[in-house]
Amino acid sequence: GLKPEDTAVYSCAAKRGIPSMRTSPHDYEY
């Protein structure tokens, strides 16, 4: 169900530990 507002560069990232609702990219190491 993609929308025009989904247009972006999508990146994956790796984070140590258990996920939480914190959404900062600074939490991701790689």
Full PDB file with SEQRES, HELIX, SHEET, SSBOND, CRYST1, ORIGX, SCALE, CONECT and MASTER records, all heavy atoms in Angstrom:
SEQRES   1 A   30  GLY LEU LYS PRO GLU ASP THR ALA VAL TYR SER CYS ALA          
SEQRES   2 A   30  ALA LYS ARG GLY ILE PRO SER MET ARG THR SER PRO HIS          
SEQRES   3 A   30  ASP TYR GLU TYR                                              
HELIX    1 AA1 PRO A    4  ASP A    6  5                                   3    
HELIX    2 AA2 PRO A   25  ASP A   27  5                                   3    
CRYST1    1.000    1.000    1.000  90.00  90.00  90.00 P 1           1          
ORIGX1      1.000000  0.000000  0.000000        0.00000                         
ORIGX2      0.000000  1.000000  0.000000        0.00000                         
ORIGX3      0.000000  0.000000  1.000000        0.00000                         
SCALE1      1.000000  0.000000  0.000000        0.00000                         
SCALE2      0.000000  1.000000  0.000000        0.00000                         
SCALE3      0.000000  0.000000  1.000000        0.00000                         
ATOM      1  N   GLY A   1       0.799  -1.213   0.000  1.00  0.00           N  
ATOM      2  CA  GLY A   1       0.000   0.000   0.000  1.00  0.00           C  
ATOM      3  C   GLY A   1       0.833   1.264   0.000  1.00  0.00           C  
ATOM      4  O   GLY A   1       0.548   2.201   0.748  1.00  0.00           O  
ATOM      5  N   LEU A   2       1.850   1.298  -0.842  1.00  0.00           N  
ATOM      6  CA  LEU A   2       2.785   2.424  -0.842  1.00  0.00           C  
ATOM      7  C   LEU A   2       2.100   3.722  -1.248  1.00  0.00           C  
ATOM      8  O   LEU A   2       1.213   3.736  -2.103  1.00  0.00           O  
ATOM      9  CB  LEU A   2       3.959   2.131  -1.753  1.00  0.00           C  
ATOM     10  CG  LEU A   2       4.979   1.156  -1.164  1.00  0.00           C  
ATOM     11  CD1 LEU A   2       5.872   0.586  -2.259  1.00  0.00           C  
ATOM     12  CD2 LEU A   2       5.817   1.861  -0.100  1.00  0.00           C  
ATOM     13  N   LYS A   3       2.543   4.795  -0.622  1.00  0.00           N  
ATOM     14  CA  LYS A   3       2.022   6.134  -0.859  1.00  0.00           C  
ATOM     15  C   LYS A   3       3.148   7.040  -1.331  1.00  0.00           C  
ATOM     16  O   LYS A   3       4.313   6.785  -1.029  1.00  0.00           O  
ATOM     17  CB  LYS A   3       1.414   6.708   0.430  1.00  0.00           C  
ATOM     18  CG  LYS A   3       0.342   5.842   1.071  1.00  0.00           C  
ATOM     19  CD  LYS A   3      -0.082   6.421   2.408  1.00  0.00           C  
ATOM     20  CE  LYS A   3      -1.142   5.558   3.064  1.00  0.00           C  
ATOM     21  NZ  LYS A   3      -1.542   6.113   4.389  1.00  0.00           N  
ATOM     22  N   PRO A   4       2.831   8.110  -2.054  1.00  0.00           N  
ATOM     23  CA  PRO A   4       3.891   9.033  -2.474  1.00  0.00           C  
ATOM     24  C   PRO A   4       4.733   9.551  -1.317  1.00  0.00           C  
ATOM     25  O   PRO A   4       5.941   9.763  -1.490  1.00  0.00           O  
ATOM     26  CB  PRO A   4       3.114  10.166  -3.159  1.00  0.00           C  
ATOM     27  CG  PRO A   4       1.894   9.497  -3.693  1.00  0.00           C  
ATOM     28  CD  PRO A   4       1.527   8.466  -2.657  1.00  0.00           C  
ATOM     29  N   GLU A   5       4.151   9.737  -0.156  1.00  0.00           N  
ATOM     30  CA  GLU A   5       4.898  10.218   0.987  1.00  0.00           C  
ATOM     31  C   GLU A   5       5.877   9.196   1.549  1.00  0.00           C  
ATOM     32  O   GLU A   5       6.662   9.519   2.443  1.00  0.00           O  
ATOM     33  CB  GLU A   5       3.958  10.713   2.099  1.00  0.00           C  
ATOM     34  CG  GLU A   5       2.894   9.706   2.492  1.00  0.00           C  
ATOM     35  CD  GLU A   5       1.555   9.961   1.825  1.00  0.00           C  
ATOM     36  OE1 GLU A   5       1.543  10.238   0.604  1.00  0.00           O  
ATOM     37  OE2 GLU A   5       0.517   9.898   2.517  1.00  0.00           O  
ATOM     38  N   ASP A   6       5.839   7.963   1.050  1.00  0.00           N  
ATOM     39  CA  ASP A   6       6.835   6.964   1.412  1.00  0.00           C  
ATOM     40  C   ASP A   6       8.131   7.124   0.622  1.00  0.00           C  
ATOM     41  O   ASP A   6       9.105   6.420   0.909  1.00  0.00           O  
ATOM     42  CB  ASP A   6       6.291   5.554   1.195  1.00  0.00           C  
ATOM     43  CG  ASP A   6       5.120   5.220   2.095  1.00  0.00           C  
ATOM     44  OD1 ASP A   6       5.156   5.590   3.290  1.00  0.00           O  
ATOM     45  OD2 ASP A   6       4.168   4.574   1.606  1.00  0.00           O  
ATOM     46  N   THR A   7       8.142   7.999  -0.359  1.00  0.00           N  
ATOM     47  CA  THR A   7       9.327   8.212  -1.178  1.00  0.00           C  
ATOM     48  C   THR A   7      10.487   8.687  -0.313  1.00  0.00           C  
ATOM     49  O   THR A   7      10.376   9.689   0.401  1.00  0.00           O  
ATOM     50  CB  THR A   7       9.045   9.226  -2.281  1.00  0.00           C  
ATOM     51  OG1 THR A   7       8.068   8.692  -3.182  1.00  0.00           O  
ATOM     52  CG2 THR A   7      10.309   9.553  -3.062  1.00  0.00           C  
ATOM     53  N   ALA A   8      11.598   7.969  -0.368  1.00  0.00           N  
ATOM     54  CA  ALA A   8      12.756   8.285   0.462  1.00  0.00           C  
ATOM     55  C   ALA A   8      13.870   7.302   0.149  1.00  0.00           C  
ATOM     56  O   ALA A   8      13.666   6.300  -0.541  1.00  0.00           O  
ATOM     57  CB  ALA A   8      12.402   8.204   1.949  1.00  0.00           C  
ATOM     58  N   VAL A   9      15.035   7.592   0.674  1.00  0.00           N  
ATOM     59  CA  VAL A   9      16.109   6.615   0.719  1.00  0.00           C  
ATOM     60  C   VAL A   9      15.934   5.799   1.990  1.00  0.00           C  
ATOM     61  O   VAL A   9      15.874   6.355   3.092  1.00  0.00           O  
ATOM     62  CB  VAL A   9      17.494   7.284   0.695  1.00  0.00           C  
ATOM     63  CG1 VAL A   9      18.592   6.244   0.894  1.00  0.00           C  
ATOM     64  CG2 VAL A   9      17.704   8.023  -0.620  1.00  0.00           C  
ATOM     65  N   TYR A  10      15.847   4.500   1.832  1.00  0.00           N  
ATOM     66  CA  TYR A  10      15.642   3.597   2.957  1.00  0.00           C  
ATOM     67  C   TYR A  10      16.962   2.941   3.329  1.00  0.00           C  
ATOM     68  O   TYR A  10      17.642   2.369   2.476  1.00  0.00           O  
ATOM     69  CB  TYR A  10      14.601   2.529   2.610  1.00  0.00           C  
ATOM     70  CG  TYR A  10      13.190   3.046   2.636  1.00  0.00           C  
ATOM     71  CD1 TYR A  10      12.737   3.916   1.648  1.00  0.00           C  
ATOM     72  CD2 TYR A  10      12.307   2.685   3.649  1.00  0.00           C  
ATOM     73  CE1 TYR A  10      11.453   4.414   1.671  1.00  0.00           C  
ATOM     74  CE2 TYR A  10      11.012   3.171   3.680  1.00  0.00           C  
ATOM     75  CZ  TYR A  10      10.591   4.035   2.687  1.00  0.00           C  
ATOM     76  OH  TYR A  10       9.298   4.520   2.718  1.00  0.00           O  
ATOM     77  N   SER A  11      17.310   3.016   4.606  1.00  0.00           N  
ATOM     78  CA  SER A  11      18.554   2.451   5.106  1.00  0.00           C  
ATOM     79  C   SER A  11      18.264   1.463   6.218  1.00  0.00           C  
ATOM     80  O   SER A  11      17.366   1.678   7.036  1.00  0.00           O  
ATOM     81  CB  SER A  11      19.474   3.552   5.643  1.00  0.00           C  
ATOM     82  OG  SER A  11      19.797   4.493   4.640  1.00  0.00           O  
ATOM     83  N   CYS A  12      19.025   0.386   6.246  1.00  0.00           N  
ATOM     84  CA  CYS A  12      18.947  -0.515   7.388  1.00  0.00           C  
ATOM     85  C   CYS A  12      20.082  -0.201   8.348  1.00  0.00           C  
ATOM     86  O   CYS A  12      21.112   0.361   7.968  1.00  0.00           O  
ATOM     87  CB  CYS A  12      18.966  -1.984   6.963  1.00  0.00           C  
ATOM     88  SG  CYS A  12      20.484  -2.550   6.189  1.00  0.00           S  
ATOM     89  N   ALA A  13      19.876  -0.554   9.599  1.00  0.00           N  
ATOM     90  CA  ALA A  13      20.829  -0.222  10.639  1.00  0.00           C  
ATOM     91  C   ALA A  13      20.798  -1.286  11.721  1.00  0.00           C  
ATOM     92  O   ALA A  13      19.772  -1.936  11.942  1.00  0.00           O  
ATOM     93  CB  ALA A  13      20.513   1.155  11.241  1.00  0.00           C  
ATOM     94  N   ALA A  14      21.915  -1.451  12.388  1.00  0.00           N  
ATOM     95  CA  ALA A  14      22.066  -2.463  13.425  1.00  0.00           C  
ATOM     96  C   ALA A  14      22.268  -1.806  14.781  1.00  0.00           C  
ATOM     97  O   ALA A  14      23.004  -0.826  14.908  1.00  0.00           O  
ATOM     98  CB  ALA A  14      23.241  -3.375  13.109  1.00  0.00           C  
ATOM     99  N   LYS A  15      21.615  -2.376  15.776  1.00  0.00           N  
ATOM    100  CA  LYS A  15      21.641  -1.845  17.128  1.00  0.00           C  
ATOM    101  C   LYS A  15      21.847  -2.976  18.124  1.00  0.00           C  
ATOM    102  O   LYS A  15      21.173  -4.003  18.039  1.00  0.00           O  
ATOM    103  CB  LYS A  15      20.316  -1.129  17.425  1.00  0.00           C  
ATOM    104  CG  LYS A  15      20.099  -0.722  18.862  1.00  0.00           C  
ATOM    105  CD  LYS A  15      18.670  -0.250  19.075  1.00  0.00           C  
ATOM    106  CE  LYS A  15      18.411   0.152  20.516  1.00  0.00           C  
ATOM    107  NZ  LYS A  15      18.582  -0.989  21.445  1.00  0.00           N  
ATOM    108  N   ARG A  16      22.748  -2.792  19.056  1.00  0.00           N  
ATOM    109  CA  ARG A  16      22.908  -3.762  20.130  1.00  0.00           C  
ATOM    110  C   ARG A  16      21.743  -3.690  21.097  1.00  0.00           C  
ATOM    111  O   ARG A  16      21.173  -2.621  21.335  1.00  0.00           O  
ATOM    112  CB  ARG A  16      24.215  -3.522  20.888  1.00  0.00           C  
ATOM    113  CG  ARG A  16      25.472  -3.940  20.144  1.00  0.00           C  
ATOM    114  CD  ARG A  16      26.686  -3.810  21.052  1.00  0.00           C  
ATOM    115  NE  ARG A  16      27.866  -4.407  20.466  1.00  0.00           N  
ATOM    116  CZ  ARG A  16      28.740  -3.758  19.716  1.00  0.00           C  
ATOM    117  NH1 ARG A  16      28.567  -2.459  19.454  1.00  0.00           N  
ATOM    118  NH2 ARG A  16      29.794  -4.393  19.227  1.00  0.00           N  
ATOM    119  N   GLY A  17      21.392  -4.835  21.655  1.00  0.00           N  
ATOM    120  CA  GLY A  17      20.391  -4.878  22.695  1.00  0.00           C  
ATOM    121  C   GLY A  17      18.990  -5.118  22.180  1.00  0.00           C  
ATOM    122  O   GLY A  17      18.762  -5.431  21.014  1.00  0.00           O  
ATOM    123  N   ILE A  18      18.043  -4.958  23.080  1.00  0.00           N  
ATOM    124  CA  ILE A  18      16.640  -5.214  22.799  1.00  0.00           C  
ATOM    125  C   ILE A  18      15.984  -3.951  22.271  1.00  0.00           C  
ATOM    126  O   ILE A  18      16.188  -2.871  22.828  1.00  0.00           O  
ATOM    127  CB  ILE A  18      15.919  -5.708  24.070  1.00  0.00           C  
ATOM    128  CG1 ILE A  18      16.585  -6.985  24.586  1.00  0.00           C  
ATOM    129  CG2 ILE A  18      14.442  -5.940  23.808  1.00  0.00           C  
ATOM    130  CD1 ILE A  18      16.065  -7.435  25.928  1.00  0.00           C  
ATOM    131  N   PRO A  19      15.186  -4.057  21.210  1.00  0.00           N  
ATOM    132  CA  PRO A  19      14.534  -2.856  20.676  1.00  0.00           C  
ATOM    133  C   PRO A  19      13.593  -2.221  21.684  1.00  0.00           C  
ATOM    134  O   PRO A  19      13.010  -2.890  22.533  1.00  0.00           O  
ATOM    135  CB  PRO A  19      13.760  -3.372  19.466  1.00  0.00           C  
ATOM    136  CG  PRO A  19      14.419  -4.649  19.103  1.00  0.00           C  
ATOM    137  CD  PRO A  19      14.896  -5.242  20.395  1.00  0.00           C  
ATOM    138  N   SER A  20      13.439  -0.933  21.546  1.00  0.00           N  
ATOM    139  CA  SER A  20      12.497  -0.184  22.354  1.00  0.00           C  
ATOM    140  C   SER A  20      11.797   0.829  21.464  1.00  0.00           C  
ATOM    141  O   SER A  20      12.033   0.876  20.256  1.00  0.00           O  
ATOM    142  CB  SER A  20      13.203   0.520  23.511  1.00  0.00           C  
ATOM    143  OG  SER A  20      13.985   1.600  23.041  1.00  0.00           O  
ATOM    144  N   MET A  21      10.948   1.639  22.075  1.00  0.00           N  
ATOM    145  CA  MET A  21      10.259   2.668  21.316  1.00  0.00           C  
ATOM    146  C   MET A  21      11.133   3.885  21.036  1.00  0.00           C  
ATOM    147  O   MET A  21      10.670   4.831  20.399  1.00  0.00           O  
ATOM    148  CB  MET A  21       8.991   3.105  22.051  1.00  0.00           C  
ATOM    149  CG  MET A  21       7.883   2.057  22.018  1.00  0.00           C  
ATOM    150  SD  MET A  21       7.379   1.636  20.328  1.00  0.00           S  
ATOM    151  CE  MET A  21       6.720   3.201  19.770  1.00  0.00           C  
ATOM    152  N   ARG A  22      12.365   3.869  21.515  1.00  0.00           N  
ATOM    153  CA  ARG A  22      13.301   4.910  21.123  1.00  0.00           C  
ATOM    154  C   ARG A  22      13.522   4.838  19.621  1.00  0.00           C  
ATOM    155  O   ARG A  22      13.792   3.766  19.072  1.00  0.00           O  
ATOM    156  CB  ARG A  22      14.623   4.762  21.863  1.00  0.00           C  
ATOM    157  CG  ARG A  22      14.588   5.184  23.318  1.00  0.00           C  
ATOM    158  CD  ARG A  22      15.959   5.020  23.972  1.00  0.00           C  
ATOM    159  NE  ARG A  22      16.992   5.790  23.297  1.00  0.00           N  
ATOM    160  CZ  ARG A  22      17.313   7.040  23.591  1.00  0.00           C  
ATOM    161  NH1 ARG A  22      16.675   7.680  24.573  1.00  0.00           N  
ATOM    162  NH2 ARG A  22      18.279   7.652  22.924  1.00  0.00           N  
ATOM    163  N   THR A  23      13.428   5.960  18.967  1.00  0.00           N  
ATOM    164  CA  THR A  23      13.494   5.997  17.509  1.00  0.00           C  
ATOM    165  C   THR A  23      14.686   6.767  16.971  1.00  0.00           C  
ATOM    166  O   THR A  23      14.804   6.937  15.756  1.00  0.00           O  
ATOM    167  CB  THR A  23      12.209   6.602  16.935  1.00  0.00           C  
ATOM    168  OG1 THR A  23      12.041   7.937  17.427  1.00  0.00           O  
ATOM    169  CG2 THR A  23      11.002   5.763  17.326  1.00  0.00           C  
ATOM    170  N   SER A  24      15.567   7.201  17.837  1.00  0.00           N  
ATOM    171  CA  SER A  24      16.702   7.995  17.389  1.00  0.00           C  
ATOM    172  C   SER A  24      17.674   7.154  16.573  1.00  0.00           C  
ATOM    173  O   SER A  24      18.069   6.072  17.002  1.00  0.00           O  
ATOM    174  CB  SER A  24      17.437   8.606  18.573  1.00  0.00           C  
ATOM    175  OG  SER A  24      18.635   9.233  18.153  1.00  0.00           O  
ATOM    176  N   PRO A  25      18.106   7.641  15.416  1.00  0.00           N  
ATOM    177  CA  PRO A  25      19.141   6.921  14.669  1.00  0.00           C  
ATOM    178  C   PRO A  25      20.460   6.839  15.408  1.00  0.00           C  
ATOM    179  O   PRO A  25      21.287   5.982  15.083  1.00  0.00           O  
ATOM    180  CB  PRO A  25      19.271   7.742  13.374  1.00  0.00           C  
ATOM    181  CG  PRO A  25      18.745   9.091  13.710  1.00  0.00           C  
ATOM    182  CD  PRO A  25      17.668   8.863  14.723  1.00  0.00           C  
ATOM    183  N   HIS A  26      20.656   7.690  16.404  1.00  0.00           N  
ATOM    184  CA  HIS A  26      21.887   7.652  17.184  1.00  0.00           C  
ATOM    185  C   HIS A  26      22.005   6.385  18.022  1.00  0.00           C  
ATOM    186  O   HIS A  26      23.083   6.089  18.526  1.00  0.00           O  
ATOM    187  CB  HIS A  26      21.989   8.887  18.077  1.00  0.00           C  
ATOM    188  CG  HIS A  26      22.112  10.162  17.323  1.00  0.00           C  
ATOM    189  ND1 HIS A  26      21.616  11.357  17.779  1.00  0.00           N  
ATOM    190  CD2 HIS A  26      22.690  10.439  16.126  1.00  0.00           C  
ATOM    191  CE1 HIS A  26      21.855  12.308  16.905  1.00  0.00           C  
ATOM    192  NE2 HIS A  26      22.513  11.776  15.888  1.00  0.00           N  
ATOM    193  N   ASP A  27      20.923   5.647  18.186  1.00  0.00           N  
ATOM    194  CA  ASP A  27      20.961   4.381  18.911  1.00  0.00           C  
ATOM    195  C   ASP A  27      21.548   3.254  18.073  1.00  0.00           C  
ATOM    196  O   ASP A  27      21.817   2.180  18.611  1.00  0.00           O  
ATOM    197  CB  ASP A  27      19.559   3.977  19.361  1.00  0.00           C  
ATOM    198  CG  ASP A  27      18.998   4.906  20.416  1.00  0.00           C  
ATOM    199  OD1 ASP A  27      19.781   5.543  21.139  1.00  0.00           O  
ATOM    200  OD2 ASP A  27      17.762   4.991  20.518  1.00  0.00           O  
ATOM    201  N   TYR A  28      21.744   3.470  16.785  1.00  0.00           N  
ATOM    202  CA  TYR A  28      22.167   2.419  15.863  1.00  0.00           C  
ATOM    203  C   TYR A  28      23.622   2.595  15.477  1.00  0.00           C  
ATOM    204  O   TYR A  28      24.051   3.686  15.089  1.00  0.00           O  
ATOM    205  CB  TYR A  28      21.263   2.405  14.627  1.00  0.00           C  
ATOM    206  CG  TYR A  28      19.869   1.949  14.969  1.00  0.00           C  
ATOM    207  CD1 TYR A  28      18.965   2.812  15.570  1.00  0.00           C  
ATOM    208  CD2 TYR A  28      19.472   0.637  14.727  1.00  0.00           C  
ATOM    209  CE1 TYR A  28      17.701   2.388  15.922  1.00  0.00           C  
ATOM    210  CE2 TYR A  28      18.207   0.204  15.067  1.00  0.00           C  
ATOM    211  CZ  TYR A  28      17.324   1.087  15.665  1.00  0.00           C  
ATOM    212  OH  TYR A  28      16.063   0.661  16.011  1.00  0.00           O  
ATOM    213  N   GLU A  29      24.359   1.502  15.574  1.00  0.00           N  
ATOM    214  CA  GLU A  29      25.808   1.549  15.440  1.00  0.00           C  
ATOM    215  C   GLU A  29      26.282   1.422  14.000  1.00  0.00           C  
ATOM    216  O   GLU A  29      27.275   2.048  13.611  1.00  0.00           O  
ATOM    217  CB  GLU A  29      26.423   0.440  16.299  1.00  0.00           C  
ATOM    218  CG  GLU A  29      27.934   0.455  16.363  1.00  0.00           C  
ATOM    219  CD  GLU A  29      28.468  -0.566  17.346  1.00  0.00           C  
ATOM    220  OE1 GLU A  29      27.651  -1.275  17.977  1.00  0.00           O  
ATOM    221  OE2 GLU A  29      29.697  -0.656  17.499  1.00  0.00           O  
ATOM    222  N   TYR A  30      25.613   0.592  13.202  1.00  0.00           N  
ATOM    223  CA  TYR A  30      26.045   0.315  11.836  1.00  0.00           C  
ATOM    224  C   TYR A  30      24.934   0.631  10.862  1.00  0.00           C  
ATOM    225  O   TYR A  30      23.754   0.403  11.151  1.00  0.00           O  
ATOM    226  CB  TYR A  30      26.473  -1.148  11.685  1.00  0.00           C  
ATOM    227  CG  TYR A  30      27.602  -1.548  12.595  1.00  0.00           C  
ATOM    228  CD1 TYR A  30      27.367  -2.309  13.731  1.00  0.00           C  
ATOM    229  CD2 TYR A  30      28.905  -1.152  12.325  1.00  0.00           C  
ATOM    230  CE1 TYR A  30      28.406  -2.665  14.571  1.00  0.00           C  
ATOM    231  CE2 TYR A  30      29.948  -1.505  13.163  1.00  0.00           C  
ATOM    232  CZ  TYR A  30      29.691  -2.267  14.285  1.00  0.00           C  
ATOM    233  OH  TYR A  30      30.727  -2.619  15.121  1.00  0.00           O  
TER     234      TYR A  30                                                      
MASTER        0    0    0    2    0    0    0    6  233    1    0    3          
END                                                                             
